[in-house]
C-alpha atoms as a PDB file:
ATOM      1  CA  MET A   1       0.000   0.000   0.000  1.00  0.00           C
ATOM      2  CA  MET A   2       1.159   3.438  -0.814  1.00  0.00           C
ATOM      3  CA  GLN A   3       0.488   6.412   1.371  1.00  0.00           C
ATOM      4  CA  HIS A   4       0.166   9.993   0.045  1.00  0.00           C
ATOM      5  CA  GLY A   5      -0.634  12.580   2.633  1.00  0.00           C
ATOM      6  CA  ASN A   6      -3.200  11.173   5.037  1.00  0.00           C
ATOM      7  CA  MET A   7      -4.714   8.703   2.533  1.00  0.00           C
ATOM      8  CA  MET A   8      -4.043   5.043   2.009  1.00  0.00           C
ATOM      9  CA  HIS A   9      -4.616   3.411  -1.382  1.00  0.00           C
ATOM     10  CA  HIS A  10      -6.149  -0.053  -1.619  1.00  0.00           C
ATOM     11  CA  GLY A  11      -6.216  -2.161  -4.793  1.00  0.00           C
ATOM     12  CA  ASN A  12      -7.412  -0.206  -7.847  1.00  0.00           C
ATOM     13  CA  MET A  13      -8.927   2.760  -6.029  1.00  0.00           C
ATOM     14  CA  MET A  14      -7.874   6.093  -7.455  1.00  0.00           C
ATOM     15  CA  PRO A  15      -6.279   8.500  -5.012  1.00  0.00           C
ATOM     16  CA  GLN A  16      -8.346  11.491  -4.004  1.00  0.00           C
ATOM     17  CA  GLY A  17      -7.204  15.051  -3.575  1.00  0.00           C
ATOM     18  CA  ASN A  18      -3.873  16.570  -4.527  1.00  0.00           C
ATOM     19  CA  TRP A  19      -1.528  13.629  -4.945  1.00  0.00           C
ATOM     20  CA  GLN A  20      -0.265  14.980  -8.269  1.00  0.00           C
ATOM     21  CA  GLN A  21       0.787  18.256  -6.714  1.00  0.00           C
ATOM     22  CA  GLY A  22       3.811  16.603  -5.139  1.00  0.00           C
ATOM     23  CA  ASN A  23       5.550  17.159  -8.448  1.00  0.00           C
ATOM     24  CA  CYS A  24       7.785  20.291  -8.156  1.00  0.00           C
ATOM     25  CA  HIS A  25       7.639  21.144 -11.898  1.00  0.00           C
ATOM     26  CA  GLY A  26       3.864  20.950 -12.218  1.00  0.00           C
ATOM     27  CA  ASN A  27       3.991  18.477 -15.091  1.00  0.00           C
ATOM     28  CA  GLN A  28       0.924  16.335 -15.058  1.00  0.00           C
ATOM     29  CA  VAL A  29       1.486  12.694 -15.885  1.00  0.00           C
ATOM     30  CA  GLN A  30      -1.397  10.308 -16.310  1.00  0.00           C
ATOM     31  CA  PRO A  31      -1.136   7.350 -13.935  1.00  0.00           C
ATOM     32  CA  VAL A  32      -0.847   3.851 -15.316  1.00  0.00           C
ATOM     33  CA  VAL A  33      -3.712   1.678 -14.119  1.00  0.00           C
ATOM     34  CA  CYS A  34      -2.626  -1.953 -13.834  1.00  0.00           C
ATOM     35  CA  PRO A  35      -5.030  -4.871 -14.298  1.00  0.00           C
ATOM     36  CA  THR A  36      -7.072  -5.728 -11.264  1.00  0.00           C
ATOM     37  CA  GLN A  37      -5.635  -8.393  -9.032  1.00  0.00           C
ATOM     38  CA  TYR A  38      -7.921 -10.603  -7.039  1.00  0.00           C
ATOM     39  CA  ARG A  39      -7.134 -12.074  -3.671  1.00  0.00           C
ATOM     40  CA  CYS A  40      -9.218 -15.125  -2.932  1.00  0.00           C
ATOM     41  CA  HIS A  41      -9.847 -16.004   0.656  1.00  0.00           C
ATOM     42  CA  ASP A  42     -11.011 -19.599   0.382  1.00  0.00           C
ATOM     43  CA  GLN A  43     -13.098 -21.236   3.033  1.00  0.00           C
ATOM     44  CA  PHE A  44     -13.815 -24.932   3.062  1.00  0.00           C
ATOM     45  CA  VAL A  45     -17.026 -26.402   4.404  1.00  0.00           C
ATOM     46  CA  PRO A  46     -17.209 -30.184   4.845  1.00  0.00           C
ATOM     47  CA  ARG A  47     -20.005 -31.981   3.040  1.00  0.00           C
ATOM     48  CA  GLU A  48     -20.561 -35.683   3.535  1.00  0.00           C
ATOM     49  CA  VAL A  49     -20.779 -37.883   0.470  1.00  0.00           C
ATOM     50  CA  PRO A  50     -22.397 -41.261   1.218  1.00  0.00           C
ATOM     51  CA  PHE A  51     -20.552 -44.371   0.063  1.00  0.00           C
ATOM     52  CA  ILE A  52     -22.761 -47.457   0.225  1.00  0.00           C
ATOM     53  CA  HIS A  53     -21.065 -50.821   0.766  1.00  0.00           C
ATOM     54  CA  PRO A  54     -23.604 -53.654   0.480  1.00  0.00           C
ATOM     55  CA  ILE A  55     -22.774 -56.732   2.530  1.00  0.00           C
ATOM     56  CA  VAL A  56     -24.500 -60.102   2.130  1.00  0.00           C
ATOM     57  CA  ASN A  57     -24.082 -62.587   4.974  1.00  0.00           C
ATOM     58  CA  VAL A  58     -24.260 -66.130   3.625  1.00  0.00           C
ATOM     59  CA  ASN A  59     -24.762 -69.022   6.034  1.00  0.00           C
ATOM     60  CA  ARG A  60     -23.523 -72.233   4.425  1.00  0.00           C
ATOM     61  CA  VAL A  61     -23.961 -75.752   5.744  1.00  0.00           C
ATOM     62  CA  ASN A  62     -21.220 -78.021   4.435  1.00  0.00           C
ATOM     63  CA  THR A  63     -21.458 -81.798   4.672  1.00  0.00           C
ATOM     64  CA  VAL A  64     -18.349 -83.612   5.848  1.00  0.00           C
ATOM     65  CA  GLU A  65     -18.384 -87.365   5.354  1.00  0.00           C
ATOM     66  CA  ILE A  66     -16.885 -89.324   8.214  1.00  0.00           C
ATOM     67  CA  PRO A  67     -16.753 -93.111   8.397  1.00  0.00           C
ATOM     68  CA  ARG A  68     -19.077 -94.878  10.814  1.00  0.00           C
ATOM     69  CA  HIS A  69     -18.651 -98.625  10.919  1.00  0.00           C
ATOM     70  CA  TYR A  70     -21.552-101.006  11.382  1.00  0.00           C
ATOM     71  CA  PHE A  71     -21.014-104.726  11.847  1.00  0.00           C
ATOM     72  CA  THR A  72     -23.473-107.439  10.949  1.00  0.00           C
ATOM     73  CA  GLU A  73     -23.348-110.559  13.029  1.00  0.00           C
ATOM     74  CA  THR A  74     -24.607-114.019  12.245  1.00  0.00           C
ATOM     75  CA  THR A  75     -24.487-117.304  14.108  1.00  0.00           C
ATOM     76  CA  ARG A  76     -23.858-120.674  12.491  1.00  0.00           C
ATOM     77  CA  ASN A  77     -24.438-123.968  14.192  1.00  0.00           C
ATOM     78  CA  VAL A  78     -22.095-126.664  12.909  1.00  0.00           C
ATOM     79  CA  MET A  79     -21.404-130.197  14.040  1.00  0.00           C
ATOM     80  CA  GLY A  80     -18.156-130.746  15.883  1.00  0.00           C
ATOM     81  CA  GLU A  81     -16.212-133.925  16.701  1.00  0.00           C
ATOM     82  CA  THR A  82     -17.900-136.890  18.197  1.00  0.00           C
ATOM     83  CA  LEU A  83     -16.049-137.965  21.339  1.00  0.00           C
ATOM     84  CA  GLN A  84     -16.232-141.175  23.309  1.00  0.00           C
ATOM     85  CA  ALA A  85     -17.138-140.854  26.972  1.00  0.00           C
ATOM     86  CA  GLN A  86     -14.630-142.222  29.454  1.00  0.00           C
ATOM     87  CA  PRO A  87     -15.196-143.457  32.965  1.00  0.00           C
ATOM     88  CA  GLY A  88     -15.086-140.659  35.550  1.00  0.00           C
ATOM     89  CA  PHE A  89     -16.346-138.034  33.159  1.00  0.00           C
ATOM     90  CA  GLY A  90     -19.860-136.886  32.714  1.00  0.00           C
ATOM     91  CA  PRO A  91     -22.684-135.579  34.822  1.00  0.00           C
ATOM     92  CA  GLY A  92     -22.443-136.671  38.446  1.00  0.00           C
ATOM     93  CA  MET A  93     -19.039-138.237  37.865  1.00  0.00           C
ATOM     94  CA  GLY A  94     -16.646-135.452  38.928  1.00  0.00           C
ATOM     95  CA  GLY A  95     -17.369-132.834  36.233  1.00  0.00           C
ATOM     96  CA  TYR A  96     -15.968-131.750  32.922  1.00  0.00           C
ATOM     97  CA  GLY A  97     -13.010-129.560  31.923  1.00  0.00           C
ATOM     98  CA  PRO A  98      -9.220-129.282  32.053  1.00  0.00           C
ATOM     99  CA  GLN A  99      -9.037-129.325  35.843  1.00  0.00           C
ATOM    100  CA  GLN A 100     -10.339-132.859  35.677  1.00  0.00           C
ATOM    101  CA  GLY A 101      -7.988-133.975  32.907  1.00  0.00           C
ATOM    102  CA  GLY A 102     -10.126-132.631  30.067  1.00  0.00           C
ATOM    103  CA  PHE A 103     -12.184-134.506  27.583  1.00  0.00           C
ATOM    104  CA  GLY A 104     -10.825-137.770  26.235  1.00  0.00           C
ATOM    105  CA  GLY A 105      -8.064-138.239  28.804  1.00  0.00           C
ATOM    106  CA  PRO A 106      -4.310-137.946  28.226  1.00  0.00           C
ATOM    107  CA  GLY A 107      -3.051-137.807  24.640  1.00  0.00           C
ATOM    108  CA  ARG A 108      -6.305-136.416  23.337  1.00  0.00           C
ATOM    109  CA  ARG A 109      -6.748-132.893  22.013  1.00  0.00           C
ATOM    110  CA  GLN A 110      -7.936-130.430  24.667  1.00  0.00           C
ATOM    111  CA  TRP A 111     -11.175-128.545  24.070  1.00  0.00           C
ATOM    112  CA  ARG A 112     -10.720-124.859  23.342  1.00  0.00           C
END
């Protein structure tokens, strides 16, 4: 800012009064007016912009195969060996089994 006398000049305002009389020879010169300059004083105001994010929750049921074993059971009745009874063995005669010498006496195959 330039100051002439008691006046201050702002921007493109023309000075008032006798500013040209400061010249001692009295020659009058036309002032050069420069192009206007603008000073921008920016202010920023926030404004929300919505962003939509769709979400889909998917519940999935997955099948996992695990082995489970089942057993079938059958019973077969087959004929076994025919054995000869020996004295001392049989009902009322001291019992059956290995503690009594087993079936068939010594030298015979033991029952399993």
